[in-house]
Amino acid sequence: MSPPVRPPRPSMPTSTGVLRMVVGIVVIGVLVYTYVLGIPAGRADPFDYFGYFTNLTSLLAAGVLIAVGARTLRDGRPPAWLHLARGAAVTAMIVVALIYNLVVPGTGTAPGWVSVTLHLAFPLLLLVDWLVIADRPPLEWRRIWLVLPYPLLWLGVTLVRGVTDGWVPYGFLLPSRGVAQLAASVGMLMATLLVCASLVWAMSRIRVFEVAPQTPPSIGSRLGVRPTR
């Protein structure tokens, strides 16, 4: 009688892909919960809600993480553009954590656990995943400029809104601070962004825990038959 065939343990790509998708879905759930929570208080304008860099960036980063997780589950080989998008998302979330915790701590209206999730736990998980799970190629330094378009677009829309309807998500972007102060704030944000991007790009060259792409098992391995020599 042949020994019973044990089901294979989940491979590293499988568990990594599942965890990434779960984290992304949880973050989106937190964003939806917070949005719904603000409806009775009259804070249900989606343009205002996603006008906050934290909320919009968390949504985009969660979407990228889910996409990376899905591709990891499928074949363990996300395309090059998705690696770049992930690098940009990790960079932006590091900026979220730094600005909130060092510049404007405790200024949000969301419950404390939501702020911890979006401003600390999620950025930290993205950073650890990027550093530890080496399933991304070294990012080309000539592509580092790709971290700029999204924050610059967000800044442009925010500054226009501040001048036209008076709404800005953060006090340091108020038009009443004057052109010089606004220019200094924007310069600080862009400098922080580029420093964080350089860190993320450099970390893409570190190989801590390799993840091999998934390969379908052979018929013999599925039946528990050892290959003959």
C-alpha atoms as a PDB file:
ATOM      1  CA  MET A   1       0.000   0.000   0.000  1.00  0.00           C
ATOM      2  CA  SER A   2       1.429   3.359  -0.988  1.00  0.00           C
ATOM      3  CA  PRO A   3       1.627   6.035   1.710  1.00  0.00           C
ATOM      4  CA  PRO A   4      -1.126   8.644   1.708  1.00  0.00           C
ATOM      5  CA  VAL A   5      -0.418  11.731  -0.321  1.00  0.00           C
ATOM      6  CA  ARG A   6      -0.375  14.840   1.821  1.00  0.00           C
ATOM      7  CA  PRO A   7      -1.696  18.045   0.292  1.00  0.00           C
ATOM      8  CA  PRO A   8       1.161  20.413  -0.509  1.00  0.00           C
ATOM      9  CA  ARG A   9       1.726  23.368   1.747  1.00  0.00           C
ATOM     10  CA  PRO A  10       0.971  26.768   0.241  1.00  0.00           C
ATOM     11  CA  SER A  11       3.999  28.027  -1.634  1.00  0.00           C
ATOM     12  CA  MET A  12       5.634  31.299  -0.720  1.00  0.00           C
ATOM     13  CA  PRO A  13       4.203  33.086  -3.772  1.00  0.00           C
ATOM     14  CA  THR A  14       0.718  31.856  -2.856  1.00  0.00           C
ATOM     15  CA  SER A  15       0.839  32.984   0.769  1.00  0.00           C
ATOM     16  CA  THR A  16       2.485  36.277  -0.191  1.00  0.00           C
ATOM     17  CA  GLY A  17      -0.129  36.976  -2.846  1.00  0.00           C
ATOM     18  CA  VAL A  18      -3.008  36.171  -0.498  1.00  0.00           C
ATOM     19  CA  LEU A  19      -1.632  38.364   2.283  1.00  0.00           C
ATOM     20  CA  ARG A  20      -1.140  41.278  -0.090  1.00  0.00           C
ATOM     21  CA  MET A  21      -4.681  41.022  -1.369  1.00  0.00           C
ATOM     22  CA  VAL A  22      -6.089  40.730   2.152  1.00  0.00           C
ATOM     23  CA  VAL A  23      -4.208  43.822   3.340  1.00  0.00           C
ATOM     24  CA  GLY A  24      -5.355  45.808   0.293  1.00  0.00           C
ATOM     25  CA  ILE A  25      -8.991  44.776   0.780  1.00  0.00           C
ATOM     26  CA  VAL A  26      -8.861  45.610   4.504  1.00  0.00           C
ATOM     27  CA  VAL A  27      -7.494  49.093   3.784  1.00  0.00           C
ATOM     28  CA  ILE A  28     -10.234  49.762   1.243  1.00  0.00           C
ATOM     29  CA  GLY A  29     -12.754  48.541   3.821  1.00  0.00           C
ATOM     30  CA  VAL A  30     -11.346  50.992   6.377  1.00  0.00           C
ATOM     31  CA  LEU A  31     -11.654  53.844   3.868  1.00  0.00           C
ATOM     32  CA  VAL A  32     -15.251  52.925   3.050  1.00  0.00           C
ATOM     33  CA  TYR A  33     -16.093  52.626   6.761  1.00  0.00           C
ATOM     34  CA  THR A  34     -14.605  56.049   7.504  1.00  0.00           C
ATOM     35  CA  TYR A  35     -16.459  57.627   4.592  1.00  0.00           C
ATOM     36  CA  VAL A  36     -19.782  56.152   5.723  1.00  0.00           C
ATOM     37  CA  LEU A  37     -19.034  57.262   9.283  1.00  0.00           C
ATOM     38  CA  GLY A  38     -18.788  60.851   8.094  1.00  0.00           C
ATOM     39  CA  ILE A  39     -22.172  60.887   6.331  1.00  0.00           C
ATOM     40  CA  PRO A  40     -24.260  61.800   9.430  1.00  0.00           C
ATOM     41  CA  ALA A  41     -21.789  64.589  10.234  1.00  0.00           C
ATOM     42  CA  GLY A  42     -22.102  66.074   6.744  1.00  0.00           C
ATOM     43  CA  ARG A  43     -18.644  64.942   5.601  1.00  0.00           C
ATOM     44  CA  ALA A  44     -19.863  62.847   2.674  1.00  0.00           C
ATOM     45  CA  ASP A  45     -18.434  64.873  -0.213  1.00  0.00           C
ATOM     46  CA  PRO A  46     -16.158  62.395  -2.047  1.00  0.00           C
ATOM     47  CA  PHE A  47     -14.088  65.251  -3.504  1.00  0.00           C
ATOM     48  CA  ASP A  48     -13.312  66.470   0.000  1.00  0.00           C
ATOM     49  CA  TYR A  49     -12.817  62.975   1.433  1.00  0.00           C
ATOM     50  CA  PHE A  50     -10.409  61.899  -1.289  1.00  0.00           C
ATOM     51  CA  GLY A  51      -8.920  65.370  -1.362  1.00  0.00           C
ATOM     52  CA  TYR A  52      -6.919  64.244   1.653  1.00  0.00           C
ATOM     53  CA  PHE A  53      -3.606  62.857   0.458  1.00  0.00           C
ATOM     54  CA  THR A  54      -3.822  60.066   3.034  1.00  0.00           C
ATOM     55  CA  ASN A  55      -7.187  58.785   1.822  1.00  0.00           C
ATOM     56  CA  LEU A  56      -6.489  59.005  -1.895  1.00  0.00           C
ATOM     57  CA  THR A  57      -2.990  57.559  -1.606  1.00  0.00           C
ATOM     58  CA  SER A  58      -4.172  54.718   0.638  1.00  0.00           C
ATOM     59  CA  LEU A  59      -6.869  53.855  -1.919  1.00  0.00           C
ATOM     60  CA  LEU A  60      -4.414  53.841  -4.820  1.00  0.00           C
ATOM     61  CA  ALA A  61      -1.744  51.932  -2.863  1.00  0.00           C
ATOM     62  CA  ALA A  62      -4.304  49.331  -1.780  1.00  0.00           C
ATOM     63  CA  GLY A  63      -5.371  48.870  -5.405  1.00  0.00           C
ATOM     64  CA  VAL A  64      -1.754  48.418  -6.496  1.00  0.00           C
ATOM     65  CA  LEU A  65      -1.158  45.928  -3.676  1.00  0.00           C
ATOM     66  CA  ILE A  66      -4.221  43.893  -4.677  1.00  0.00           C
ATOM     67  CA  ALA A  67      -3.058  43.877  -8.311  1.00  0.00           C
ATOM     68  CA  VAL A  68       0.440  42.749  -7.286  1.00  0.00           C
ATOM     69  CA  GLY A  69      -1.033  40.054  -5.052  1.00  0.00           C
ATOM     70  CA  ALA A  70      -3.263  38.777  -7.850  1.00  0.00           C
ATOM     71  CA  ARG A  71      -0.337  38.563 -10.264  1.00  0.00           C
ATOM     72  CA  THR A  72       1.769  36.879  -7.571  1.00  0.00           C
ATOM     73  CA  LEU A  73      -0.949  34.263  -7.175  1.00  0.00           C
ATOM     74  CA  ARG A  74      -1.223  33.716 -10.907  1.00  0.00           C
ATOM     75  CA  ASP A  75       2.399  33.308 -11.942  1.00  0.00           C
ATOM     76  CA  GLY A  76       4.628  35.091  -9.429  1.00  0.00           C
ATOM     77  CA  ARG A  77       5.825  37.515 -12.113  1.00  0.00           C
ATOM     78  CA  PRO A  78       4.166  40.942 -11.961  1.00  0.00           C
ATOM     79  CA  PRO A  79       4.968  43.036 -15.052  1.00  0.00           C
ATOM     80  CA  ALA A  80       7.624  45.738 -14.932  1.00  0.00           C
ATOM     81  CA  TRP A  81       5.112  48.605 -14.892  1.00  0.00           C
ATOM     82  CA  LEU A  82       3.436  47.124 -11.811  1.00  0.00           C
ATOM     83  CA  HIS A  83       6.762  46.998  -9.959  1.00  0.00           C
ATOM     84  CA  LEU A  84       7.220  50.700 -10.749  1.00  0.00           C
ATOM     85  CA  ALA A  85       3.672  51.491  -9.627  1.00  0.00           C
ATOM     86  CA  ARG A  86       4.303  49.585  -6.400  1.00  0.00           C
ATOM     87  CA  GLY A  87       7.544  51.468  -5.804  1.00  0.00           C
ATOM     88  CA  ALA A  88       5.747  54.776  -6.309  1.00  0.00           C
ATOM     89  CA  ALA A  89       2.922  53.656  -3.982  1.00  0.00           C
ATOM     90  CA  VAL A  90       5.366  52.627  -1.237  1.00  0.00           C
ATOM     91  CA  THR A  91       7.129  55.976  -1.620  1.00  0.00           C
ATOM     92  CA  ALA A  92       3.906  57.968  -1.330  1.00  0.00           C
ATOM     93  CA  MET A  93       2.756  56.022   1.731  1.00  0.00           C
ATOM     94  CA  ILE A  94       6.089  56.633   3.470  1.00  0.00           C
ATOM     95  CA  VAL A  95       5.511  60.357   2.854  1.00  0.00           C
ATOM     96  CA  VAL A  96       2.009  59.980   4.337  1.00  0.00           C
ATOM     97  CA  ALA A  97       3.472  58.440   7.492  1.00  0.00           C
ATOM     98  CA  LEU A  98       6.232  61.034   7.838  1.00  0.00           C
ATOM     99  CA  ILE A  99       4.073  64.120   7.210  1.00  0.00           C
ATOM    100  CA  TYR A 100       1.222  63.011   9.453  1.00  0.00           C
ATOM    101  CA  ASN A 101       3.313  61.783  12.353  1.00  0.00           C
ATOM    102  CA  LEU A 102       5.948  64.543  12.267  1.00  0.00           C
ATOM    103  CA  VAL A 103       4.217  67.631  10.795  1.00  0.00           C
ATOM    104  CA  VAL A 104       0.455  67.401  11.481  1.00  0.00           C
ATOM    105  CA  PRO A 105       0.035  64.737  14.203  1.00  0.00           C
ATOM    106  CA  GLY A 106      -3.451  64.165  15.558  1.00  0.00           C
ATOM    107  CA  THR A 107      -5.229  66.631  13.253  1.00  0.00           C
ATOM    108  CA  GLY A 108      -7.647  64.137  11.681  1.00  0.00           C
ATOM    109  CA  THR A 109     -11.304  63.639  12.599  1.00  0.00           C
ATOM    110  CA  ALA A 110     -11.320  59.857  12.075  1.00  0.00           C
ATOM    111  CA  PRO A 111     -11.261  57.405  15.009  1.00  0.00           C
ATOM    112  CA  GLY A 112      -7.836  56.806  16.477  1.00  0.00           C
ATOM    113  CA  TRP A 113      -7.536  53.244  15.205  1.00  0.00           C
ATOM    114  CA  VAL A 114      -8.262  54.447  11.659  1.00  0.00           C
ATOM    115  CA  SER A 115      -5.459  57.000  11.861  1.00  0.00           C
ATOM    116  CA  VAL A 116      -3.080  54.357  13.188  1.00  0.00           C
ATOM    117  CA  THR A 117      -4.082  51.992  10.378  1.00  0.00           C
ATOM    118  CA  LEU A 118      -3.667  54.489   7.545  1.00  0.00           C
ATOM    119  CA  HIS A 119      -0.796  56.598   8.881  1.00  0.00           C
ATOM    120  CA  LEU A 120       1.356  53.942  10.515  1.00  0.00           C
ATOM    121  CA  ALA A 121       0.359  50.291  10.089  1.00  0.00           C
ATOM    122  CA  PHE A 122      -0.326  50.328   6.339  1.00  0.00           C
ATOM    123  CA  PRO A 123       2.813  52.316   5.384  1.00  0.00           C
ATOM    124  CA  LEU A 124       4.898  50.078   7.648  1.00  0.00           C
ATOM    125  CA  LEU A 125       3.466  46.891   6.124  1.00  0.00           C
ATOM    126  CA  LEU A 126       4.147  48.184   2.609  1.00  0.00           C
ATOM    127  CA  LEU A 127       7.702  49.104   3.565  1.00  0.00           C
ATOM    128  CA  VAL A 128       8.416  45.731   5.197  1.00  0.00           C
ATOM    129  CA  ASP A 129       6.882  43.863   2.253  1.00  0.00           C
ATOM    130  CA  TRP A 130       9.005  45.874  -0.191  1.00  0.00           C
ATOM    131  CA  LEU A 131      12.202  45.360   1.787  1.00  0.00           C
ATOM    132  CA  VAL A 132      11.824  41.726   2.856  1.00  0.00           C
ATOM    133  CA  ILE A 133      10.018  39.958  -0.002  1.00  0.00           C
ATOM    134  CA  ALA A 134      12.484  40.101  -2.883  1.00  0.00           C
ATOM    135  CA  ASP A 135      10.142  39.416  -5.788  1.00  0.00           C
ATOM    136  CA  ARG A 136      10.817  42.783  -7.449  1.00  0.00           C
ATOM    137  CA  PRO A 137      13.706  43.659  -9.749  1.00  0.00           C
ATOM    138  CA  PRO A 138      16.052  46.563  -9.038  1.00  0.00           C
ATOM    139  CA  LEU A 139      14.198  49.666 -10.186  1.00  0.00           C
ATOM    140  CA  GLU A 140      16.019  51.755 -12.766  1.00  0.00           C
ATOM    141  CA  TRP A 141      17.206  55.073 -11.370  1.00  0.00           C
ATOM    142  CA  ARG A 142      16.211  56.827 -14.584  1.00  0.00           C
ATOM    143  CA  ARG A 143      12.576  55.917 -13.773  1.00  0.00           C
ATOM    144  CA  ILE A 144      12.547  57.562 -10.359  1.00  0.00           C
ATOM    145  CA  TRP A 145      10.782  60.602 -11.811  1.00  0.00           C
ATOM    146  CA  LEU A 146       7.636  58.449 -12.017  1.00  0.00           C
ATOM    147  CA  VAL A 147       6.976  59.199  -8.344  1.00  0.00           C
ATOM    148  CA  LEU A 148       6.356  62.865  -9.209  1.00  0.00           C
ATOM    149  CA  PRO A 149       3.251  63.097 -11.471  1.00  0.00           C
ATOM    150  CA  TYR A 150       0.658  61.911  -8.955  1.00  0.00           C
ATOM    151  CA  PRO A 151       1.736  64.125  -5.994  1.00  0.00           C
ATOM    152  CA  LEU A 152       2.198  67.111  -8.306  1.00  0.00           C
ATOM    153  CA  LEU A 153      -1.288  66.610  -9.755  1.00  0.00           C
ATOM    154  CA  TRP A 154      -2.727  66.321  -6.248  1.00  0.00           C
ATOM    155  CA  LEU A 155      -0.908  69.482  -5.174  1.00  0.00           C
ATOM    156  CA  GLY A 156      -2.084  71.368  -8.250  1.00  0.00           C
ATOM    157  CA  VAL A 157      -5.732  70.456  -7.706  1.00  0.00           C
ATOM    158  CA  THR A 158      -5.478  71.222  -3.982  1.00  0.00           C
ATOM    159  CA  LEU A 159      -3.940  74.657  -4.522  1.00  0.00           C
ATOM    160  CA  VAL A 160      -6.529  75.539  -7.163  1.00  0.00           C
ATOM    161  CA  ARG A 161      -9.305  74.487  -4.798  1.00  0.00           C
ATOM    162  CA  GLY A 162      -7.750  76.575  -2.037  1.00  0.00           C
ATOM    163  CA  VAL A 163      -7.861  79.672  -4.221  1.00  0.00           C
ATOM    164  CA  THR A 164     -11.307  79.045  -5.734  1.00  0.00           C
ATOM    165  CA  ASP A 165     -13.497  77.504  -3.033  1.00  0.00           C
ATOM    166  CA  GLY A 166     -11.274  77.949   0.010  1.00  0.00           C
ATOM    167  CA  TRP A 167     -11.036  74.230   0.861  1.00  0.00           C
ATOM    168  CA  VAL A 168      -7.686  72.632   1.569  1.00  0.00           C
ATOM    169  CA  PRO A 169      -7.070  69.367   3.447  1.00  0.00           C
ATOM    170  CA  TYR A 170      -4.103  70.618   5.476  1.00  0.00           C
ATOM    171  CA  GLY A 171      -3.442  73.968   7.082  1.00  0.00           C
ATOM    172  CA  PHE A 172       0.070  74.350   5.679  1.00  0.00           C
ATOM    173  CA  LEU A 173      -1.495  74.629   2.187  1.00  0.00           C
ATOM    174  CA  LEU A 174      -3.832  77.536   2.998  1.00  0.00           C
ATOM    175  CA  PRO A 175      -3.549  80.355   0.411  1.00  0.00           C
ATOM    176  CA  SER A 176      -3.597  82.896   3.266  1.00  0.00           C
ATOM    177  CA  ARG A 177      -0.093  81.758   4.243  1.00  0.00           C
ATOM    178  CA  GLY A 178       1.266  83.610   1.228  1.00  0.00           C
ATOM    179  CA  VAL A 179       3.186  82.564  -1.863  1.00  0.00           C
ATOM    180  CA  ALA A 180       6.534  82.262  -0.095  1.00  0.00           C
ATOM    181  CA  GLN A 181       5.179  79.976   2.634  1.00  0.00           C
ATOM    182  CA  LEU A 182       3.274  77.856   0.111  1.00  0.00           C
ATOM    183  CA  ALA A 183       6.364  77.534  -2.074  1.00  0.00           C
ATOM    184  CA  ALA A 184       8.384  76.453   0.969  1.00  0.00           C
ATOM    185  CA  SER A 185       5.744  73.855   1.903  1.00  0.00           C
ATOM    186  CA  VAL A 186       5.604  72.481  -1.631  1.00  0.00           C
ATOM    187  CA  GLY A 187       9.397  72.399  -1.827  1.00  0.00           C
ATOM    188  CA  MET A 188       9.575  70.506   1.476  1.00  0.00           C
ATOM    189  CA  LEU A 189       6.998  67.977   0.264  1.00  0.00           C
ATOM    190  CA  MET A 190       8.810  67.387  -3.019  1.00  0.00           C
ATOM    191  CA  ALA A 191      12.178  67.056  -1.304  1.00  0.00           C
ATOM    192  CA  THR A 192      10.712  64.539   1.166  1.00  0.00           C
ATOM    193  CA  LEU A 193       9.152  62.635  -1.709  1.00  0.00           C
ATOM    194  CA  LEU A 194      12.429  62.382  -3.632  1.00  0.00           C
ATOM    195  CA  VAL A 195      14.393  61.315  -0.554  1.00  0.00           C
ATOM    196  CA  CYS A 196      11.818  58.594   0.171  1.00  0.00           C
ATOM    197  CA  ALA A 197      11.835  57.511  -3.481  1.00  0.00           C
ATOM    198  CA  SER A 198      15.629  57.215  -3.409  1.00  0.00           C
ATOM    199  CA  LEU A 199      15.327  55.016  -0.324  1.00  0.00           C
ATOM    200  CA  VAL A 200      12.690  52.798  -1.980  1.00  0.00           C
ATOM    201  CA  TRP A 201      14.700  52.532  -5.202  1.00  0.00           C
ATOM    202  CA  ALA A 202      17.825  51.611  -3.220  1.00  0.00           C
ATOM    203  CA  MET A 203      15.922  48.974  -1.221  1.00  0.00           C
ATOM    204  CA  SER A 204      14.800  47.330  -4.467  1.00  0.00           C
ATOM    205  CA  ARG A 205      18.417  46.170  -4.812  1.00  0.00           C
ATOM    206  CA  ILE A 206      18.354  44.333  -1.471  1.00  0.00           C
ATOM    207  CA  ARG A 207      17.597  40.604  -1.620  1.00  0.00           C
ATOM    208  CA  VAL A 208      16.413  39.544   1.841  1.00  0.00           C
ATOM    209  CA  PHE A 209      13.933  36.767   1.109  1.00  0.00           C
ATOM    210  CA  GLU A 210      13.774  35.453  -2.438  1.00  0.00           C
ATOM    211  CA  VAL A 211      10.415  34.390  -3.878  1.00  0.00           C
ATOM    212  CA  ALA A 212      10.617  32.055  -6.845  1.00  0.00           C
ATOM    213  CA  PRO A 213       7.869  32.223  -9.479  1.00  0.00           C
ATOM    214  CA  GLN A 214       5.263  29.514  -9.231  1.00  0.00           C
ATOM    215  CA  THR A 215       5.525  26.504 -11.506  1.00  0.00           C
ATOM    216  CA  PRO A 216       2.706  24.019 -11.955  1.00  0.00           C
ATOM    217  CA  PRO A 217       3.439  20.644 -10.306  1.00  0.00           C
ATOM    218  CA  SER A 218       4.000  17.651 -12.517  1.00  0.00           C
ATOM    219  CA  ILE A 219       1.474  14.839 -12.683  1.00  0.00           C
ATOM    220  CA  GLY A 220       3.867  12.549 -10.838  1.00  0.00           C
ATOM    221  CA  SER A 221       4.310  14.977  -7.967  1.00  0.00           C
ATOM    222  CA  ARG A 222       0.560  15.389  -7.635  1.00  0.00           C
ATOM    223  CA  LEU A 223       0.237  11.587  -7.341  1.00  0.00           C
ATOM    224  CA  GLY A 224       3.091  11.306  -4.861  1.00  0.00           C
ATOM    225  CA  VAL A 225       5.380   9.462  -7.278  1.00  0.00           C
ATOM    226  CA  ARG A 226       9.077  10.163  -6.882  1.00  0.00           C
ATOM    227  CA  PRO A 227      11.079  10.678 -10.075  1.00  0.00           C
ATOM    228  CA  THR A 228      13.368   7.837 -11.067  1.00  0.00           C
ATOM    229  CA  ARG A 229      17.059   8.384 -11.583  1.00  0.00           C
END
